């Protein structure tokens, strides 16, 4: 595992390739997302809280676009019901390799904590198992699910495929199940849209990114990450079959929605 500082775009690049979740990104991802996405840690913490509330016995939880497994870990630390499993999916082998190490370290830390906190010998805490799957989330069947997480993943899916994916998720959720959808968002009012971009860039500068890094990463993401408005997200989720949809968190142009089956 690595806690390296993100310096991927710190030097001038003549030809800026489209952003990819490769080994270079995987090695600095915790630092990158913490310094780039306002409220990320709050969203992950709430993912765990929602798991405690909504996960049903003998059901599946899906972390779609799991990256290094932060959402999966948050869920398995809070699931209170027996017989559950977490399916964590990503199409990057580099991210999953790092994710596997993160999950193993988390399990080891939990077992050590269990032994230290118990005055007598006892079995380690048994976490909900996490199965890692390498593949495109569009191809993964959603079955017997009580919770699905799409944290900053849908924005990388082609626009024309998003409705079908959300329909599949809604169909695979049990009654009372929950979808957590976190995204970078756009705004119809151009002045407000530009303001939110400026505020986000100021956030990144405050976290140590230079104007060069901000500009080059923005170019790398230009045709890769396609944000949409909150209203588009709400409408699509309702059309997919969710009965209750709304935003629970927003900071600048980043937001998280909860959708209930």
C-alpha atoms as a PDB file:
ATOM      1  CA  UNK A   1       0.000   0.000   0.000  1.00  0.00           C
ATOM      2  CA  UNK A   2       1.108   3.575  -0.514  1.00  0.00           C
ATOM      3  CA  UNK A   3       0.329   6.954   0.945  1.00  0.00           C
ATOM      4  CA  UNK A   4       2.308   8.763  -1.740  1.00  0.00           C
ATOM      5  CA  UNK A   5       1.686  12.390  -2.612  1.00  0.00           C
ATOM      6  CA  UNK A   6      -0.151  12.995  -5.860  1.00  0.00           C
ATOM      7  CA  UNK A   7       2.299  14.652  -8.281  1.00  0.00           C
ATOM      8  CA  UNK A   8       1.001  13.127 -11.520  1.00  0.00           C
ATOM      9  CA  UNK A   9       0.318  16.507 -13.167  1.00  0.00           C
ATOM     10  CA  UNK A  10       3.018  18.517 -11.349  1.00  0.00           C
ATOM     11  CA  UNK A  11       5.283  18.861 -14.391  1.00  0.00           C
ATOM     12  CA  UNK A  12       4.311  20.231 -17.826  1.00  0.00           C
ATOM     13  CA  UNK A  13       3.036  17.615 -20.279  1.00  0.00           C
ATOM     14  CA  UNK A  14       3.059  18.327 -24.008  1.00  0.00           C
ATOM     15  CA  UNK A  15       0.490  15.638 -24.771  1.00  0.00           C
ATOM     16  CA  UNK A  16      -2.063  15.143 -21.980  1.00  0.00           C
ATOM     17  CA  UNK A  17      -3.644  11.713 -22.274  1.00  0.00           C
ATOM     18  CA  UNK A  18      -7.148  10.955 -21.085  1.00  0.00           C
ATOM     19  CA  UNK A  19      -7.362  10.174 -17.383  1.00  0.00           C
ATOM     20  CA  UNK A  20      -6.955   6.473 -16.559  1.00  0.00           C
ATOM     21  CA  UNK A  21      -7.111   4.537 -13.300  1.00  0.00           C
ATOM     22  CA  UNK A  22      -3.699   2.978 -13.864  1.00  0.00           C
ATOM     23  CA  UNK A  23      -0.846   2.093 -11.504  1.00  0.00           C
ATOM     24  CA  UNK A  24       0.282   5.730 -11.250  1.00  0.00           C
ATOM     25  CA  UNK A  25      -3.182   6.789 -10.053  1.00  0.00           C
ATOM     26  CA  UNK A  26      -3.641   3.747  -7.806  1.00  0.00           C
ATOM     27  CA  UNK A  27      -0.396   4.491  -5.977  1.00  0.00           C
ATOM     28  CA  UNK A  28      -1.516   8.028  -5.017  1.00  0.00           C
ATOM     29  CA  UNK A  29      -5.299   7.634  -5.025  1.00  0.00           C
ATOM     30  CA  UNK A  30      -5.965   8.234  -1.296  1.00  0.00           C
ATOM     31  CA  UNK A  31      -4.083  11.534  -1.433  1.00  0.00           C
ATOM     32  CA  UNK A  32      -5.577  12.480  -4.802  1.00  0.00           C
ATOM     33  CA  UNK A  33      -9.207  12.032  -3.815  1.00  0.00           C
ATOM     34  CA  UNK A  34      -8.802  13.601  -0.371  1.00  0.00           C
ATOM     35  CA  UNK A  35      -7.300  16.752  -1.895  1.00  0.00           C
ATOM     36  CA  UNK A  36      -9.615  16.833  -4.924  1.00  0.00           C
ATOM     37  CA  UNK A  37     -13.121  15.914  -3.722  1.00  0.00           C
ATOM     38  CA  UNK A  38     -14.645  18.118  -1.009  1.00  0.00           C
ATOM     39  CA  UNK A  39     -16.613  16.094   1.516  1.00  0.00           C
ATOM     40  CA  UNK A  40     -15.272  12.728   0.368  1.00  0.00           C
ATOM     41  CA  UNK A  41     -14.552  11.490   3.898  1.00  0.00           C
ATOM     42  CA  UNK A  42     -18.038  12.552   5.042  1.00  0.00           C
ATOM     43  CA  UNK A  43     -19.641  10.648   2.163  1.00  0.00           C
ATOM     44  CA  UNK A  44     -17.660   7.506   2.971  1.00  0.00           C
ATOM     45  CA  UNK A  45     -18.586   7.740   6.660  1.00  0.00           C
ATOM     46  CA  UNK A  46     -22.266   8.163   5.774  1.00  0.00           C
ATOM     47  CA  UNK A  47     -22.034   5.114   3.498  1.00  0.00           C
ATOM     48  CA  UNK A  48     -21.241   3.087   6.599  1.00  0.00           C
ATOM     49  CA  UNK A  49     -24.097   4.674   8.548  1.00  0.00           C
ATOM     50  CA  UNK A  50     -26.528   3.875   5.735  1.00  0.00           C
ATOM     51  CA  UNK A  51     -25.312   0.273   5.654  1.00  0.00           C
ATOM     52  CA  UNK A  52     -26.145  -0.087   9.325  1.00  0.00           C
ATOM     53  CA  UNK A  53     -29.642   1.234   8.654  1.00  0.00           C
ATOM     54  CA  UNK A  54     -30.600  -0.404   5.344  1.00  0.00           C
ATOM     55  CA  UNK A  55     -28.665  -3.639   4.829  1.00  0.00           C
ATOM     56  CA  UNK A  56     -30.989  -6.622   5.203  1.00  0.00           C
ATOM     57  CA  UNK A  57     -30.142 -10.146   6.422  1.00  0.00           C
ATOM     58  CA  UNK A  58     -28.787 -12.619   3.851  1.00  0.00           C
ATOM     59  CA  UNK A  59     -28.469  -9.960   1.148  1.00  0.00           C
ATOM     60  CA  UNK A  60     -25.759  -8.534  -1.058  1.00  0.00           C
ATOM     61  CA  UNK A  61     -24.176  -5.097  -1.083  1.00  0.00           C
ATOM     62  CA  UNK A  62     -22.501  -3.799  -4.222  1.00  0.00           C
ATOM     63  CA  UNK A  63     -19.656  -1.280  -4.402  1.00  0.00           C
ATOM     64  CA  UNK A  64     -19.615  -0.392  -8.097  1.00  0.00           C
ATOM     65  CA  UNK A  65     -16.405   1.317  -9.123  1.00  0.00           C
ATOM     66  CA  UNK A  66     -14.838   0.398  -5.797  1.00  0.00           C
ATOM     67  CA  UNK A  67     -11.367   1.917  -6.468  1.00  0.00           C
ATOM     68  CA  UNK A  68      -9.375   1.134  -3.285  1.00  0.00           C
ATOM     69  CA  UNK A  69     -12.365  -0.136  -1.326  1.00  0.00           C
ATOM     70  CA  UNK A  70     -13.184   2.775   0.982  1.00  0.00           C
ATOM     71  CA  UNK A  71     -16.943   2.301   0.572  1.00  0.00           C
ATOM     72  CA  UNK A  72     -16.675  -1.472   0.977  1.00  0.00           C
ATOM     73  CA  UNK A  73     -14.744  -1.059   4.217  1.00  0.00           C
ATOM     74  CA  UNK A  74     -17.246   1.489   5.500  1.00  0.00           C
ATOM     75  CA  UNK A  75     -20.096  -0.910   4.780  1.00  0.00           C
ATOM     76  CA  UNK A  76     -18.525  -3.994   6.307  1.00  0.00           C
ATOM     77  CA  UNK A  77     -17.617  -2.118   9.476  1.00  0.00           C
ATOM     78  CA  UNK A  78     -21.290  -1.225  10.009  1.00  0.00           C
ATOM     79  CA  UNK A  79     -23.351  -4.110   8.656  1.00  0.00           C
ATOM     80  CA  UNK A  80     -25.276  -5.579  11.581  1.00  0.00           C
ATOM     81  CA  UNK A  81     -27.132  -8.345   9.740  1.00  0.00           C
ATOM     82  CA  UNK A  82     -26.040 -11.982   9.269  1.00  0.00           C
ATOM     83  CA  UNK A  83     -25.436 -13.769   5.999  1.00  0.00           C
ATOM     84  CA  UNK A  84     -24.422 -10.731   3.955  1.00  0.00           C
ATOM     85  CA  UNK A  85     -21.681 -10.290   1.388  1.00  0.00           C
ATOM     86  CA  UNK A  86     -20.175  -7.308  -0.416  1.00  0.00           C
ATOM     87  CA  UNK A  87     -19.393  -7.431  -4.140  1.00  0.00           C
ATOM     88  CA  UNK A  88     -16.762  -4.810  -4.975  1.00  0.00           C
ATOM     89  CA  UNK A  89     -16.322  -4.187  -8.703  1.00  0.00           C
ATOM     90  CA  UNK A  90     -13.769  -2.202 -10.686  1.00  0.00           C
ATOM     91  CA  UNK A  91     -12.477  -2.496 -14.237  1.00  0.00           C
ATOM     92  CA  UNK A  92      -8.915  -1.504 -13.300  1.00  0.00           C
ATOM     93  CA  UNK A  93      -6.593  -4.355 -12.315  1.00  0.00           C
ATOM     94  CA  UNK A  94      -4.186  -1.789 -10.882  1.00  0.00           C
ATOM     95  CA  UNK A  95      -6.846  -0.364  -8.571  1.00  0.00           C
ATOM     96  CA  UNK A  96      -8.021  -3.830  -7.492  1.00  0.00           C
ATOM     97  CA  UNK A  97      -4.490  -4.947  -6.684  1.00  0.00           C
ATOM     98  CA  UNK A  98      -4.139  -1.975  -4.351  1.00  0.00           C
ATOM     99  CA  UNK A  99      -7.669  -2.533  -3.045  1.00  0.00           C
ATOM    100  CA  UNK A 100      -6.868  -6.119  -2.118  1.00  0.00           C
ATOM    101  CA  UNK A 101      -3.926  -4.952   0.003  1.00  0.00           C
ATOM    102  CA  UNK A 102      -6.069  -2.271   1.678  1.00  0.00           C
ATOM    103  CA  UNK A 103      -8.776  -4.815   2.559  1.00  0.00           C
ATOM    104  CA  UNK A 104      -6.213  -7.261   3.949  1.00  0.00           C
ATOM    105  CA  UNK A 105      -4.680  -4.540   6.105  1.00  0.00           C
ATOM    106  CA  UNK A 106      -8.104  -3.508   7.362  1.00  0.00           C
ATOM    107  CA  UNK A 107      -8.921  -7.100   8.284  1.00  0.00           C
ATOM    108  CA  UNK A 108      -5.592  -7.462  10.080  1.00  0.00           C
ATOM    109  CA  UNK A 109      -6.113  -4.226  12.012  1.00  0.00           C
ATOM    110  CA  UNK A 110      -9.605  -5.325  13.044  1.00  0.00           C
ATOM    111  CA  UNK A 111      -8.357  -8.679  14.281  1.00  0.00           C
ATOM    112  CA  UNK A 112      -5.553  -7.025  16.264  1.00  0.00           C
ATOM    113  CA  UNK A 113      -8.026  -4.586  17.779  1.00  0.00           C
ATOM    114  CA  UNK A 114     -10.343  -7.429  18.745  1.00  0.00           C
ATOM    115  CA  UNK A 115      -7.565  -9.283  20.557  1.00  0.00           C
ATOM    116  CA  UNK A 116      -6.308  -6.182  22.365  1.00  0.00           C
ATOM    117  CA  UNK A 117      -9.738  -5.079  23.540  1.00  0.00           C
ATOM    118  CA  UNK A 118     -10.771  -8.467  24.972  1.00  0.00           C
ATOM    119  CA  UNK A 119      -9.635  -9.479  28.458  1.00  0.00           C
ATOM    120  CA  UNK A 120     -10.024 -13.157  27.505  1.00  0.00           C
ATOM    121  CA  UNK A 121      -9.152 -15.138  24.415  1.00  0.00           C
ATOM    122  CA  UNK A 122     -11.890 -14.875  21.805  1.00  0.00           C
ATOM    123  CA  UNK A 123     -12.375 -15.233  18.094  1.00  0.00           C
ATOM    124  CA  UNK A 124     -11.524 -12.206  15.912  1.00  0.00           C
ATOM    125  CA  UNK A 125     -14.319  -9.957  14.760  1.00  0.00           C
ATOM    126  CA  UNK A 126     -15.870 -11.492  11.654  1.00  0.00           C
ATOM    127  CA  UNK A 127     -16.444  -8.863   8.998  1.00  0.00           C
ATOM    128  CA  UNK A 128     -18.877  -9.257   6.154  1.00  0.00           C
ATOM    129  CA  UNK A 129     -16.833 -10.883   3.356  1.00  0.00           C
ATOM    130  CA  UNK A 130     -15.823  -8.763   0.369  1.00  0.00           C
ATOM    131  CA  UNK A 131     -15.503 -10.332  -3.079  1.00  0.00           C
ATOM    132  CA  UNK A 132     -13.421  -8.356  -5.573  1.00  0.00           C
ATOM    133  CA  UNK A 133     -14.519  -8.546  -9.209  1.00  0.00           C
ATOM    134  CA  UNK A 134     -12.612  -7.109 -12.154  1.00  0.00           C
ATOM    135  CA  UNK A 135     -15.048  -6.046 -14.847  1.00  0.00           C
ATOM    136  CA  UNK A 136     -17.240  -3.299 -16.220  1.00  0.00           C
ATOM    137  CA  UNK A 137     -20.079  -2.475 -13.871  1.00  0.00           C
ATOM    138  CA  UNK A 138     -22.477  -2.431 -16.826  1.00  0.00           C
ATOM    139  CA  UNK A 139     -21.895  -6.195 -17.168  1.00  0.00           C
ATOM    140  CA  UNK A 140     -22.288  -7.139 -13.484  1.00  0.00           C
ATOM    141  CA  UNK A 141     -25.652  -8.674 -12.518  1.00  0.00           C
ATOM    142  CA  UNK A 142     -27.293  -7.077  -9.473  1.00  0.00           C
ATOM    143  CA  UNK A 143     -29.070  -9.788  -7.482  1.00  0.00           C
ATOM    144  CA  UNK A 144     -30.672  -9.888  -4.005  1.00  0.00           C
ATOM    145  CA  UNK A 145     -29.214  -6.497  -3.126  1.00  0.00           C
ATOM    146  CA  UNK A 146     -30.174  -4.360  -0.155  1.00  0.00           C
ATOM    147  CA  UNK A 147     -27.523  -1.670  -0.803  1.00  0.00           C
ATOM    148  CA  UNK A 148     -25.674  -0.436  -3.888  1.00  0.00           C
ATOM    149  CA  UNK A 149     -22.995   2.253  -3.861  1.00  0.00           C
ATOM    150  CA  UNK A 150     -21.959   4.319  -6.887  1.00  0.00           C
ATOM    151  CA  UNK A 151     -19.485   6.759  -5.382  1.00  0.00           C
ATOM    152  CA  UNK A 152     -18.086   8.938  -8.200  1.00  0.00           C
ATOM    153  CA  UNK A 153     -18.481   6.140 -10.750  1.00  0.00           C
ATOM    154  CA  UNK A 154     -21.513   6.895 -12.916  1.00  0.00           C
ATOM    155  CA  UNK A 155     -19.780  10.060 -14.165  1.00  0.00           C
ATOM    156  CA  UNK A 156     -17.293   7.854 -16.053  1.00  0.00           C
ATOM    157  CA  UNK A 157     -19.997   5.746 -17.742  1.00  0.00           C
ATOM    158  CA  UNK A 158     -21.053   6.817 -21.269  1.00  0.00           C
ATOM    159  CA  UNK A 159     -24.184   8.986 -21.087  1.00  0.00           C
ATOM    160  CA  UNK A 160     -26.274   6.652 -23.221  1.00  0.00           C
ATOM    161  CA  UNK A 161     -25.598   3.697 -20.883  1.00  0.00           C
ATOM    162  CA  UNK A 162     -26.491   5.350 -17.565  1.00  0.00           C
ATOM    163  CA  UNK A 163     -30.270   4.840 -17.616  1.00  0.00           C
ATOM    164  CA  UNK A 164     -29.932   1.115 -18.370  1.00  0.00           C
ATOM    165  CA  UNK A 165     -27.436   0.686 -15.515  1.00  0.00           C
ATOM    166  CA  UNK A 166     -29.717   2.398 -13.002  1.00  0.00           C
ATOM    167  CA  UNK A 167     -32.708   0.343 -14.155  1.00  0.00           C
ATOM    168  CA  UNK A 168     -30.657  -2.805 -13.578  1.00  0.00           C
ATOM    169  CA  UNK A 169     -29.707  -1.647 -10.092  1.00  0.00           C
ATOM    170  CA  UNK A 170     -33.295  -0.782  -9.189  1.00  0.00           C
ATOM    171  CA  UNK A 171     -34.504  -4.163 -10.489  1.00  0.00           C
ATOM    172  CA  UNK A 172     -31.856  -5.985  -8.431  1.00  0.00           C
ATOM    173  CA  UNK A 173     -32.599  -4.173  -5.169  1.00  0.00           C
ATOM    174  CA  UNK A 174     -34.894  -5.716  -2.595  1.00  0.00           C
ATOM    175  CA  UNK A 175     -37.897  -3.668  -1.422  1.00  0.00           C
ATOM    176  CA  UNK A 176     -36.565  -1.125   1.050  1.00  0.00           C
ATOM    177  CA  UNK A 177     -33.104  -1.242  -0.512  1.00  0.00           C
ATOM    178  CA  UNK A 178     -30.938   1.855  -0.979  1.00  0.00           C
ATOM    179  CA  UNK A 179     -28.683   3.282  -3.673  1.00  0.00           C
ATOM    180  CA  UNK A 180     -26.023   5.837  -2.765  1.00  0.00           C
ATOM    181  CA  UNK A 181     -25.049   7.873  -5.836  1.00  0.00           C
ATOM    182  CA  UNK A 182     -22.244  10.419  -5.481  1.00  0.00           C
ATOM    183  CA  UNK A 183     -21.190  12.544  -8.452  1.00  0.00           C
ATOM    184  CA  UNK A 184     -19.495  15.655  -9.690  1.00  0.00           C
ATOM    185  CA  UNK A 185     -22.401  17.727 -10.978  1.00  0.00           C
ATOM    186  CA  UNK A 186     -23.101  20.480 -13.496  1.00  0.00           C
ATOM    187  CA  UNK A 187     -25.485  23.441 -13.286  1.00  0.00           C
ATOM    188  CA  UNK A 188     -27.860  24.858 -15.894  1.00  0.00           C
ATOM    189  CA  UNK A 189     -27.155  28.445 -14.819  1.00  0.00           C
ATOM    190  CA  UNK A 190     -23.805  29.227 -16.452  1.00  0.00           C
ATOM    191  CA  UNK A 191     -22.805  31.855 -13.906  1.00  0.00           C
ATOM    192  CA  UNK A 192     -23.448  29.449 -11.046  1.00  0.00           C
ATOM    193  CA  UNK A 193     -21.698  26.639 -12.920  1.00  0.00           C
ATOM    194  CA  UNK A 194     -18.547  28.742 -13.338  1.00  0.00           C
ATOM    195  CA  UNK A 195     -18.690  29.863  -9.698  1.00  0.00           C
ATOM    196  CA  UNK A 196     -18.784  26.259  -8.457  1.00  0.00           C
ATOM    197  CA  UNK A 197     -15.827  25.379 -10.686  1.00  0.00           C
ATOM    198  CA  UNK A 198     -13.867  28.327  -9.321  1.00  0.00           C
ATOM    199  CA  UNK A 199     -14.680  27.375  -5.727  1.00  0.00           C
ATOM    200  CA  UNK A 200     -13.598  23.805  -6.399  1.00  0.00           C
ATOM    201  CA  UNK A 201     -10.323  25.002  -7.897  1.00  0.00           C
ATOM    202  CA  UNK A 202      -9.756  27.179  -4.834  1.00  0.00           C
ATOM    203  CA  UNK A 203     -10.347  24.096  -2.684  1.00  0.00           C
ATOM    204  CA  UNK A 204      -7.659  22.250  -4.635  1.00  0.00           C
ATOM    205  CA  UNK A 205      -5.227  25.159  -4.364  1.00  0.00           C
ATOM    206  CA  UNK A 206      -5.769  25.239  -0.602  1.00  0.00           C
ATOM    207  CA  UNK A 207      -4.835  21.550  -0.579  1.00  0.00           C
ATOM    208  CA  UNK A 208      -1.522  22.204  -2.309  1.00  0.00           C
ATOM    209  CA  UNK A 209      -2.288  21.738  -6.003  1.00  0.00           C
ATOM    210  CA  UNK A 210      -0.697  24.244  -8.373  1.00  0.00           C
ATOM    211  CA  UNK A 211      -2.538  25.979 -11.206  1.00  0.00           C
ATOM    212  CA  UNK A 212      -0.547  23.785 -13.612  1.00  0.00           C
ATOM    213  CA  UNK A 213      -1.751  20.605 -11.892  1.00  0.00           C
ATOM    214  CA  UNK A 214      -5.347  21.818 -11.833  1.00  0.00           C
ATOM    215  CA  UNK A 215      -5.273  22.783 -15.507  1.00  0.00           C
ATOM    216  CA  UNK A 216      -3.598  19.605 -16.752  1.00  0.00           C
ATOM    217  CA  UNK A 217      -5.859  17.276 -14.767  1.00  0.00           C
ATOM    218  CA  UNK A 218      -8.914  19.177 -16.000  1.00  0.00           C
ATOM    219  CA  UNK A 219      -7.705  18.589 -19.576  1.00  0.00           C
ATOM    220  CA  UNK A 220      -7.142  14.889 -18.859  1.00  0.00           C
ATOM    221  CA  UNK A 221     -10.695  14.516 -17.522  1.00  0.00           C
ATOM    222  CA  UNK A 222     -12.398  16.637 -20.188  1.00  0.00           C
ATOM    223  CA  UNK A 223     -13.689  13.802 -22.372  1.00  0.00           C
ATOM    224  CA  UNK A 224     -13.588  11.126 -19.651  1.00  0.00           C
ATOM    225  CA  UNK A 225     -15.695  12.492 -16.795  1.00  0.00           C
ATOM    226  CA  UNK A 226     -19.080  13.765 -17.985  1.00  0.00           C
ATOM    227  CA  UNK A 227     -21.049  15.529 -15.202  1.00  0.00           C
ATOM    228  CA  UNK A 228     -24.805  16.105 -15.311  1.00  0.00           C
ATOM    229  CA  UNK A 229     -27.210  18.287 -13.345  1.00  0.00           C
ATOM    230  CA  UNK A 230     -28.876  17.108 -10.169  1.00  0.00           C
ATOM    231  CA  UNK A 231     -32.264  17.348 -11.846  1.00  0.00           C
ATOM    232  CA  UNK A 232     -31.160  14.953 -14.581  1.00  0.00           C
ATOM    233  CA  UNK A 233     -29.983  12.526 -11.897  1.00  0.00           C
ATOM    234  CA  UNK A 234     -33.262  12.808  -9.982  1.00  0.00           C
ATOM    235  CA  UNK A 235     -35.395  12.246 -13.064  1.00  0.00           C
ATOM    236  CA  UNK A 236     -33.356   9.262 -14.234  1.00  0.00           C
ATOM    237  CA  UNK A 237     -33.480   7.623 -10.806  1.00  0.00           C
ATOM    238  CA  UNK A 238     -37.255   8.050 -10.589  1.00  0.00           C
ATOM    239  CA  UNK A 239     -37.672   6.652 -14.090  1.00  0.00           C
ATOM    240  CA  UNK A 240     -35.512   3.676 -13.079  1.00  0.00           C
ATOM    241  CA  UNK A 241     -38.021   2.780 -10.380  1.00  0.00           C
ATOM    242  CA  UNK A 242     -36.854   4.453  -7.183  1.00  0.00           C
ATOM    243  CA  UNK A 243     -39.688   5.773  -5.036  1.00  0.00           C
ATOM    244  CA  UNK A 244     -37.719   8.347  -3.030  1.00  0.00           C
ATOM    245  CA  UNK A 245     -34.794  10.337  -4.403  1.00  0.00           C
ATOM    246  CA  UNK A 246     -32.949  13.385  -3.137  1.00  0.00           C
ATOM    247  CA  UNK A 247     -29.640  14.981  -2.210  1.00  0.00           C
ATOM    248  CA  UNK A 248     -28.326  14.450   1.298  1.00  0.00           C
ATOM    249  CA  UNK A 249     -24.897  16.096   0.815  1.00  0.00           C
ATOM    250  CA  UNK A 250     -23.463  18.764  -1.460  1.00  0.00           C
ATOM    251  CA  UNK A 251     -20.320  20.877  -1.483  1.00  0.00           C
ATOM    252  CA  UNK A 252     -19.589  23.045  -4.520  1.00  0.00           C
ATOM    253  CA  UNK A 253     -20.039  20.868  -7.614  1.00  0.00           C
ATOM    254  CA  UNK A 254     -19.948  17.550  -5.746  1.00  0.00           C
ATOM    255  CA  UNK A 255     -23.100  15.927  -4.423  1.00  0.00           C
ATOM    256  CA  UNK A 256     -24.444  12.658  -3.071  1.00  0.00           C
ATOM    257  CA  UNK A 257     -27.989  11.377  -3.492  1.00  0.00           C
ATOM    258  CA  UNK A 258     -29.921   8.657  -1.672  1.00  0.00           C
ATOM    259  CA  UNK A 259     -32.452   6.671  -3.700  1.00  0.00           C
ATOM    260  CA  UNK A 260     -34.820   4.209  -1.996  1.00  0.00           C
ATOM    261  CA  UNK A 261     -36.533   1.238  -3.661  1.00  0.00           C
END
